[in-house]
Amino acid sequence: MYLQEKGIITNKAKKINTGYSTTSLIMGSQALYDYVDMRSQVQMRPCMYTNSAQKIQACGPFLSVNTAIGVDLSGNVWADFIDPLRYYGGVGGQPDFVRALSHKRYGTPVIAMKSLTNKGESKIVPACPSGITLTATAYDGVVIVTEYGIADLRDLPTGFKGLAIASISHPDHREQLLKTIFNDPRMTKPKGFSLDKIPPGVTLYKGKVSI
């Protein structure tokens, strides 16, 4: 709503649905409901349309942005369960958009999240909790973003993924995560492995971070 009001989003360059935004869910303030009421620039479609891989790829290059409850050092992502006994919410369209953008020519699937929970626990952990479902697996090429940087896991070999993900974790937990990679014989170390180097695929954020 805000971006359309400022003329930033016009939808004029879209390859399909040119001139209007499509969505399967509108939820927010009364101001939002008043804005979209009878507005032709915003049109509702069923999930089978908005989440269709064919439609997503037709809009390429497409940038999808989802969030997550946690990510592990292998690149597994989960967004519906906190642990096997605590259900947070549905997966939404995350799996649909991640897999529709599996090839770079179609766009980029971003998983953007804070590095810490409200309790100060790291959302980046060595391994996903046992018994939960995944919304993106280690074999899905995603780009993880926290307030500390970007870890582009696409095209990275297994040994580099953990290093990339640990590098954008919260500084309070980063050293321990890196040590986990260094000490765990099950985690493949790339040639030239070093804890003091920025690994491939990582862009660190240099600005001031507010928590």
C-alpha atoms as a PDB file:
ATOM      1  CA  MET A   1       0.000   0.000   0.000  1.00  0.00           C
ATOM      2  CA  TYR A   2       2.706   2.492   1.020  1.00  0.00           C
ATOM      3  CA  LEU A   3       4.862   1.714  -2.026  1.00  0.00           C
ATOM      4  CA  GLN A   4       1.928   2.056  -4.411  1.00  0.00           C
ATOM      5  CA  GLU A   5       0.891   5.347  -2.803  1.00  0.00           C
ATOM      6  CA  LYS A   6       4.413   6.713  -3.342  1.00  0.00           C
ATOM      7  CA  GLY A   7       4.461   5.534  -6.953  1.00  0.00           C
ATOM      8  CA  ILE A   8       7.352   3.140  -6.323  1.00  0.00           C
ATOM      9  CA  ILE A   9       5.319   0.080  -7.276  1.00  0.00           C
ATOM     10  CA  THR A  10       3.453   0.646 -10.539  1.00  0.00           C
ATOM     11  CA  ASN A  11       3.393  -2.897 -11.991  1.00  0.00           C
ATOM     12  CA  LYS A  12       3.947  -1.375 -15.434  1.00  0.00           C
ATOM     13  CA  ALA A  13       6.995  -3.532 -16.204  1.00  0.00           C
ATOM     14  CA  LYS A  14       5.438  -6.858 -15.253  1.00  0.00           C
ATOM     15  CA  LYS A  15       5.409  -9.557 -17.909  1.00  0.00           C
ATOM     16  CA  ILE A  16       2.044 -10.885 -16.729  1.00  0.00           C
ATOM     17  CA  ASN A  17      -0.735  -9.164 -14.765  1.00  0.00           C
ATOM     18  CA  THR A  18       0.657  -5.890 -16.071  1.00  0.00           C
ATOM     19  CA  GLY A  19      -0.659  -2.822 -14.257  1.00  0.00           C
ATOM     20  CA  TYR A  20      -1.881  -4.452 -11.061  1.00  0.00           C
ATOM     21  CA  SER A  21      -0.685  -6.432  -8.051  1.00  0.00           C
ATOM     22  CA  THR A  22      -1.958  -9.952  -7.432  1.00  0.00           C
ATOM     23  CA  THR A  23      -2.281 -11.575  -4.026  1.00  0.00           C
ATOM     24  CA  SER A  24      -4.087 -14.417  -2.288  1.00  0.00           C
ATOM     25  CA  LEU A  25      -4.135 -12.742   1.150  1.00  0.00           C
ATOM     26  CA  ILE A  26      -4.821  -9.239   2.408  1.00  0.00           C
ATOM     27  CA  MET A  27      -4.479  -8.785   6.156  1.00  0.00           C
ATOM     28  CA  GLY A  28      -3.652  -5.671   8.147  1.00  0.00           C
ATOM     29  CA  SER A  29      -5.087  -2.369   9.283  1.00  0.00           C
ATOM     30  CA  GLN A  30      -8.397  -0.734   8.491  1.00  0.00           C
ATOM     31  CA  ALA A  31      -6.443   1.735   6.356  1.00  0.00           C
ATOM     32  CA  LEU A  32      -5.244  -1.192   4.241  1.00  0.00           C
ATOM     33  CA  TYR A  33      -8.760  -2.561   3.807  1.00  0.00           C
ATOM     34  CA  ASP A  34     -10.035   0.879   2.811  1.00  0.00           C
ATOM     35  CA  TYR A  35      -7.167   1.234   0.340  1.00  0.00           C
ATOM     36  CA  VAL A  36      -7.755  -2.048  -1.498  1.00  0.00           C
ATOM     37  CA  ASP A  37     -11.552  -1.824  -1.503  1.00  0.00           C
ATOM     38  CA  MET A  38     -12.649  -1.754  -5.171  1.00  0.00           C
ATOM     39  CA  ARG A  39      -9.107  -0.791  -6.236  1.00  0.00           C
ATOM     40  CA  SER A  40      -8.309  -2.231  -9.649  1.00  0.00           C
ATOM     41  CA  GLN A  41      -4.530  -2.025  -9.032  1.00  0.00           C
ATOM     42  CA  VAL A  42      -4.862  -4.821  -6.439  1.00  0.00           C
ATOM     43  CA  GLN A  43      -6.562  -8.030  -7.475  1.00  0.00           C
ATOM     44  CA  MET A  44      -7.165 -11.266  -5.565  1.00  0.00           C
ATOM     45  CA  ARG A  45      -6.265 -14.659  -7.031  1.00  0.00           C
ATOM     46  CA  PRO A  46      -6.384 -18.170  -5.527  1.00  0.00           C
ATOM     47  CA  CYS A  47      -3.154 -19.705  -4.179  1.00  0.00           C
ATOM     48  CA  MET A  48      -3.103 -22.188  -7.032  1.00  0.00           C
ATOM     49  CA  TYR A  49      -2.542 -19.156  -9.287  1.00  0.00           C
ATOM     50  CA  THR A  50      -0.279 -16.885  -7.191  1.00  0.00           C
ATOM     51  CA  ASN A  51       1.902 -19.791  -6.032  1.00  0.00           C
ATOM     52  CA  SER A  52       2.080 -21.522  -9.383  1.00  0.00           C
ATOM     53  CA  ALA A  53       5.670 -22.188 -10.453  1.00  0.00           C
ATOM     54  CA  GLN A  54       4.691 -21.395 -14.020  1.00  0.00           C
ATOM     55  CA  LYS A  55       3.316 -17.961 -13.054  1.00  0.00           C
ATOM     56  CA  ILE A  56       6.246 -17.165 -10.765  1.00  0.00           C
ATOM     57  CA  GLN A  57       8.801 -18.097 -13.418  1.00  0.00           C
ATOM     58  CA  ALA A  58       6.920 -16.082 -16.029  1.00  0.00           C
ATOM     59  CA  CYS A  59       7.573 -12.974 -13.900  1.00  0.00           C
ATOM     60  CA  GLY A  60      11.313 -13.649 -13.780  1.00  0.00           C
ATOM     61  CA  PRO A  61      13.657 -12.384 -12.620  1.00  0.00           C
ATOM     62  CA  PHE A  62      11.511 -12.744  -9.509  1.00  0.00           C
ATOM     63  CA  LEU A  63      12.547 -11.890  -5.947  1.00  0.00           C
ATOM     64  CA  SER A  64      10.659 -13.798  -3.249  1.00  0.00           C
ATOM     65  CA  VAL A  65      11.101 -12.865   0.415  1.00  0.00           C
ATOM     66  CA  ASN A  66      10.088 -15.237   3.199  1.00  0.00           C
ATOM     67  CA  THR A  67      11.122 -15.570   6.824  1.00  0.00           C
ATOM     68  CA  ALA A  68      11.926 -18.523   9.058  1.00  0.00           C
ATOM     69  CA  ILE A  69      11.949 -19.722  12.632  1.00  0.00           C
ATOM     70  CA  GLY A  70      15.363 -21.261  12.165  1.00  0.00           C
ATOM     71  CA  VAL A  71      18.153 -22.291   9.824  1.00  0.00           C
ATOM     72  CA  ASP A  72      20.819 -24.904  10.462  1.00  0.00           C
ATOM     73  CA  LEU A  73      24.401 -25.086   9.264  1.00  0.00           C
ATOM     74  CA  SER A  74      23.468 -27.489   6.461  1.00  0.00           C
ATOM     75  CA  GLY A  75      21.045 -24.967   4.966  1.00  0.00           C
ATOM     76  CA  ASN A  76      17.795 -26.531   6.185  1.00  0.00           C
ATOM     77  CA  VAL A  77      15.035 -23.992   6.861  1.00  0.00           C
ATOM     78  CA  TRP A  78      11.881 -24.346   8.962  1.00  0.00           C
ATOM     79  CA  ALA A  79       9.048 -21.860   9.370  1.00  0.00           C
ATOM     80  CA  ASP A  80       6.085 -23.739  10.801  1.00  0.00           C
ATOM     81  CA  PHE A  81       7.317 -25.454  13.994  1.00  0.00           C
ATOM     82  CA  ILE A  82       9.396 -24.088  16.888  1.00  0.00           C
ATOM     83  CA  ASP A  83       9.896 -27.671  18.049  1.00  0.00           C
ATOM     84  CA  PRO A  84       7.887 -30.892  17.525  1.00  0.00           C
ATOM     85  CA  LEU A  85       5.397 -29.913  20.240  1.00  0.00           C
ATOM     86  CA  ARG A  86       5.059 -26.211  19.402  1.00  0.00           C
ATOM     87  CA  TYR A  87       3.372 -25.319  16.129  1.00  0.00           C
ATOM     88  CA  TYR A  88       3.826 -21.697  15.064  1.00  0.00           C
ATOM     89  CA  GLY A  89       1.886 -21.349  11.804  1.00  0.00           C
ATOM     90  CA  GLY A  90       1.419 -22.565   8.275  1.00  0.00           C
ATOM     91  CA  VAL A  91       4.232 -22.574   5.747  1.00  0.00           C
ATOM     92  CA  GLY A  92       2.390 -20.164   3.478  1.00  0.00           C
ATOM     93  CA  GLY A  93       3.930 -20.113   0.019  1.00  0.00           C
ATOM     94  CA  GLN A  94       7.559 -20.525   1.075  1.00  0.00           C
ATOM     95  CA  PRO A  95       8.118 -24.009  -0.412  1.00  0.00           C
ATOM     96  CA  ASP A  96       6.302 -23.007  -3.615  1.00  0.00           C
ATOM     97  CA  PHE A  97       8.395 -19.901  -4.212  1.00  0.00           C
ATOM     98  CA  VAL A  98      11.690 -21.493  -3.160  1.00  0.00           C
ATOM     99  CA  ARG A  99      11.276 -24.349  -5.609  1.00  0.00           C
ATOM    100  CA  ALA A 100       9.881 -22.215  -8.413  1.00  0.00           C
ATOM    101  CA  LEU A 101      13.103 -20.165  -8.215  1.00  0.00           C
ATOM    102  CA  SER A 102      15.436 -23.150  -8.103  1.00  0.00           C
ATOM    103  CA  HIS A 103      17.309 -21.856 -11.146  1.00  0.00           C
ATOM    104  CA  LYS A 104      18.959 -18.436 -11.112  1.00  0.00           C
ATOM    105  CA  ARG A 105      17.422 -17.462 -14.424  1.00  0.00           C
ATOM    106  CA  TYR A 106      14.030 -17.276 -12.711  1.00  0.00           C
ATOM    107  CA  GLY A 107      15.127 -15.138  -9.769  1.00  0.00           C
ATOM    108  CA  THR A 108      16.188 -15.314  -6.134  1.00  0.00           C
ATOM    109  CA  PRO A 109      14.485 -16.979  -3.137  1.00  0.00           C
ATOM    110  CA  VAL A 110      15.397 -14.970  -0.025  1.00  0.00           C
ATOM    111  CA  ILE A 111      14.956 -16.155   3.563  1.00  0.00           C
ATOM    112  CA  ALA A 112      15.183 -13.018   5.714  1.00  0.00           C
ATOM    113  CA  MET A 113      15.175 -13.321   9.484  1.00  0.00           C
ATOM    114  CA  LYS A 114      16.596 -11.869  12.677  1.00  0.00           C
ATOM    115  CA  SER A 115      19.636 -13.662  14.031  1.00  0.00           C
ATOM    116  CA  LEU A 116      18.145 -14.030  17.530  1.00  0.00           C
ATOM    117  CA  THR A 117      14.840 -15.052  19.071  1.00  0.00           C
ATOM    118  CA  ASN A 118      13.106 -12.753  21.572  1.00  0.00           C
ATOM    119  CA  LYS A 119      14.848 -14.772  24.293  1.00  0.00           C
ATOM    120  CA  GLY A 120      18.298 -14.087  22.869  1.00  0.00           C
ATOM    121  CA  GLU A 121      18.739 -17.582  21.444  1.00  0.00           C
ATOM    122  CA  SER A 122      20.391 -18.016  18.067  1.00  0.00           C
ATOM    123  CA  LYS A 123      18.025 -18.749  15.191  1.00  0.00           C
ATOM    124  CA  ILE A 124      20.992 -20.284  13.386  1.00  0.00           C
ATOM    125  CA  VAL A 125      21.781 -23.641  14.989  1.00  0.00           C
ATOM    126  CA  PRO A 126      24.077 -26.576  14.226  1.00  0.00           C
ATOM    127  CA  ALA A 127      21.204 -28.918  13.280  1.00  0.00           C
ATOM    128  CA  CYS A 128      17.444 -28.570  12.894  1.00  0.00           C
ATOM    129  CA  PRO A 129      15.357 -29.867  15.830  1.00  0.00           C
ATOM    130  CA  SER A 130      14.457 -33.524  15.451  1.00  0.00           C
ATOM    131  CA  GLY A 131      10.893 -34.225  14.398  1.00  0.00           C
ATOM    132  CA  ILE A 132      10.028 -30.946  12.684  1.00  0.00           C
ATOM    133  CA  THR A 133       9.157 -30.391   9.034  1.00  0.00           C
ATOM    134  CA  LEU A 134      11.303 -28.314   6.695  1.00  0.00           C
ATOM    135  CA  THR A 135      10.089 -25.549   4.405  1.00  0.00           C
ATOM    136  CA  ALA A 136      13.367 -25.528   2.450  1.00  0.00           C
ATOM    137  CA  THR A 137      16.036 -28.203   2.520  1.00  0.00           C
ATOM    138  CA  ALA A 138      19.797 -28.132   2.228  1.00  0.00           C
ATOM    139  CA  TYR A 139      19.322 -29.022  -1.443  1.00  0.00           C
ATOM    140  CA  ASP A 140      17.188 -25.952  -2.217  1.00  0.00           C
ATOM    141  CA  GLY A 141      19.338 -23.007  -3.270  1.00  0.00           C
ATOM    142  CA  VAL A 142      18.287 -20.103  -1.058  1.00  0.00           C
ATOM    143  CA  VAL A 143      19.799 -16.813   0.050  1.00  0.00           C
ATOM    144  CA  ILE A 144      19.818 -16.355   3.838  1.00  0.00           C
ATOM    145  CA  VAL A 145      19.737 -12.757   5.099  1.00  0.00           C
ATOM    146  CA  THR A 146      20.135 -11.513   8.669  1.00  0.00           C
ATOM    147  CA  GLU A 147      20.935  -8.087  10.068  1.00  0.00           C
ATOM    148  CA  TYR A 148      24.622  -9.066   9.822  1.00  0.00           C
ATOM    149  CA  GLY A 149      24.856 -10.029   6.183  1.00  0.00           C
ATOM    150  CA  ILE A 150      23.910 -12.223   3.239  1.00  0.00           C
ATOM    151  CA  ALA A 151      24.743 -15.879   2.697  1.00  0.00           C
ATOM    152  CA  ASP A 152      24.039 -16.894  -0.887  1.00  0.00           C
ATOM    153  CA  LEU A 153      23.978 -20.693  -0.692  1.00  0.00           C
ATOM    154  CA  ARG A 154      23.303 -21.203  -4.386  1.00  0.00           C
ATOM    155  CA  ASP A 155      26.090 -23.131  -6.106  1.00  0.00           C
ATOM    156  CA  LEU A 156      28.044 -23.516  -2.861  1.00  0.00           C
ATOM    157  CA  PRO A 157      29.456 -26.973  -2.079  1.00  0.00           C
ATOM    158  CA  THR A 158      28.355 -28.524   1.208  1.00  0.00           C
ATOM    159  CA  GLY A 159      31.548 -27.614   3.006  1.00  0.00           C
ATOM    160  CA  PHE A 160      31.082 -23.895   2.365  1.00  0.00           C
ATOM    161  CA  LYS A 161      27.379 -23.662   3.257  1.00  0.00           C
ATOM    162  CA  GLY A 162      27.909 -24.024   6.980  1.00  0.00           C
ATOM    163  CA  LEU A 163      30.672 -21.421   6.973  1.00  0.00           C
ATOM    164  CA  ALA A 164      28.517 -18.985   5.015  1.00  0.00           C
ATOM    165  CA  ILE A 165      25.530 -19.386   7.327  1.00  0.00           C
ATOM    166  CA  ALA A 166      27.600 -19.168  10.526  1.00  0.00           C
ATOM    167  CA  SER A 167      29.245 -15.988   9.215  1.00  0.00           C
ATOM    168  CA  ILE A 168      25.944 -14.068   9.323  1.00  0.00           C
ATOM    169  CA  SER A 169      24.853 -15.307  12.749  1.00  0.00           C
ATOM    170  CA  HIS A 170      24.755 -13.057  15.813  1.00  0.00           C
ATOM    171  CA  PRO A 171      28.277 -12.250  17.093  1.00  0.00           C
ATOM    172  CA  ASP A 172      27.397 -13.701  20.511  1.00  0.00           C
ATOM    173  CA  HIS A 173      26.937 -17.130  18.913  1.00  0.00           C
ATOM    174  CA  ARG A 174      29.124 -16.925  15.819  1.00  0.00           C
ATOM    175  CA  GLU A 175      32.369 -18.166  17.334  1.00  0.00           C
ATOM    176  CA  GLN A 176      30.687 -21.238  18.796  1.00  0.00           C
ATOM    177  CA  LEU A 177      29.009 -22.064  15.496  1.00  0.00           C
ATOM    178  CA  LEU A 178      32.298 -21.744  13.646  1.00  0.00           C
ATOM    179  CA  LYS A 179      33.987 -23.937  16.248  1.00  0.00           C
ATOM    180  CA  THR A 180      31.239 -26.524  15.733  1.00  0.00           C
ATOM    181  CA  ILE A 181      32.151 -26.678  12.050  1.00  0.00           C
ATOM    182  CA  PHE A 182      35.851 -26.853  12.858  1.00  0.00           C
ATOM    183  CA  ASN A 183      35.533 -29.583  15.499  1.00  0.00           C
ATOM    184  CA  ASP A 184      32.822 -31.786  14.004  1.00  0.00           C
ATOM    185  CA  PRO A 185      34.410 -34.454  11.769  1.00  0.00           C
ATOM    186  CA  ARG A 186      31.045 -35.001  10.080  1.00  0.00           C
ATOM    187  CA  MET A 187      31.068 -31.467   8.669  1.00  0.00           C
ATOM    188  CA  THR A 188      33.138 -31.288   5.516  1.00  0.00           C
ATOM    189  CA  LYS A 189      35.852 -28.638   5.589  1.00  0.00           C
ATOM    190  CA  PRO A 190      36.715 -26.974   2.297  1.00  0.00           C
ATOM    191  CA  LYS A 191      40.328 -26.763   1.222  1.00  0.00           C
ATOM    192  CA  GLY A 192      41.988 -23.739   2.773  1.00  0.00           C
ATOM    193  CA  PHE A 193      39.482 -23.685   5.636  1.00  0.00           C
ATOM    194  CA  SER A 194      40.110 -20.838   8.059  1.00  0.00           C
ATOM    195  CA  LEU A 195      37.929 -19.252  10.732  1.00  0.00           C
ATOM    196  CA  ASP A 196      39.258 -15.760  10.013  1.00  0.00           C
ATOM    197  CA  LYS A 197      38.334 -15.631   6.314  1.00  0.00           C
ATOM    198  CA  ILE A 198      35.047 -14.494   4.819  1.00  0.00           C
ATOM    199  CA  PRO A 199      33.828 -17.582   2.938  1.00  0.00           C
ATOM    200  CA  PRO A 200      32.474 -17.542  -0.625  1.00  0.00           C
ATOM    201  CA  GLY A 201      28.865 -16.476  -1.004  1.00  0.00           C
ATOM    202  CA  VAL A 202      28.954 -14.132   1.992  1.00  0.00           C
ATOM    203  CA  THR A 203      28.447 -10.376   1.983  1.00  0.00           C
ATOM    204  CA  LEU A 204      28.740  -8.880   5.457  1.00  0.00           C
ATOM    205  CA  TYR A 205      26.705  -5.822   6.392  1.00  0.00           C
ATOM    206  CA  LYS A 206      29.003  -2.968   7.340  1.00  0.00           C
ATOM    207  CA  GLY A 207      26.421  -0.525   8.660  1.00  0.00           C
ATOM    208  CA  LYS A 208      25.203   0.094  12.190  1.00  0.00           C
ATOM    209  CA  VAL A 209      22.958  -2.680  13.473  1.00  0.00           C
ATOM    210  CA  SER A 210      20.125  -1.956  15.935  1.00  0.00           C
ATOM    211  CA  ILE A 211      18.664  -4.902  17.853  1.00  0.00           C
END
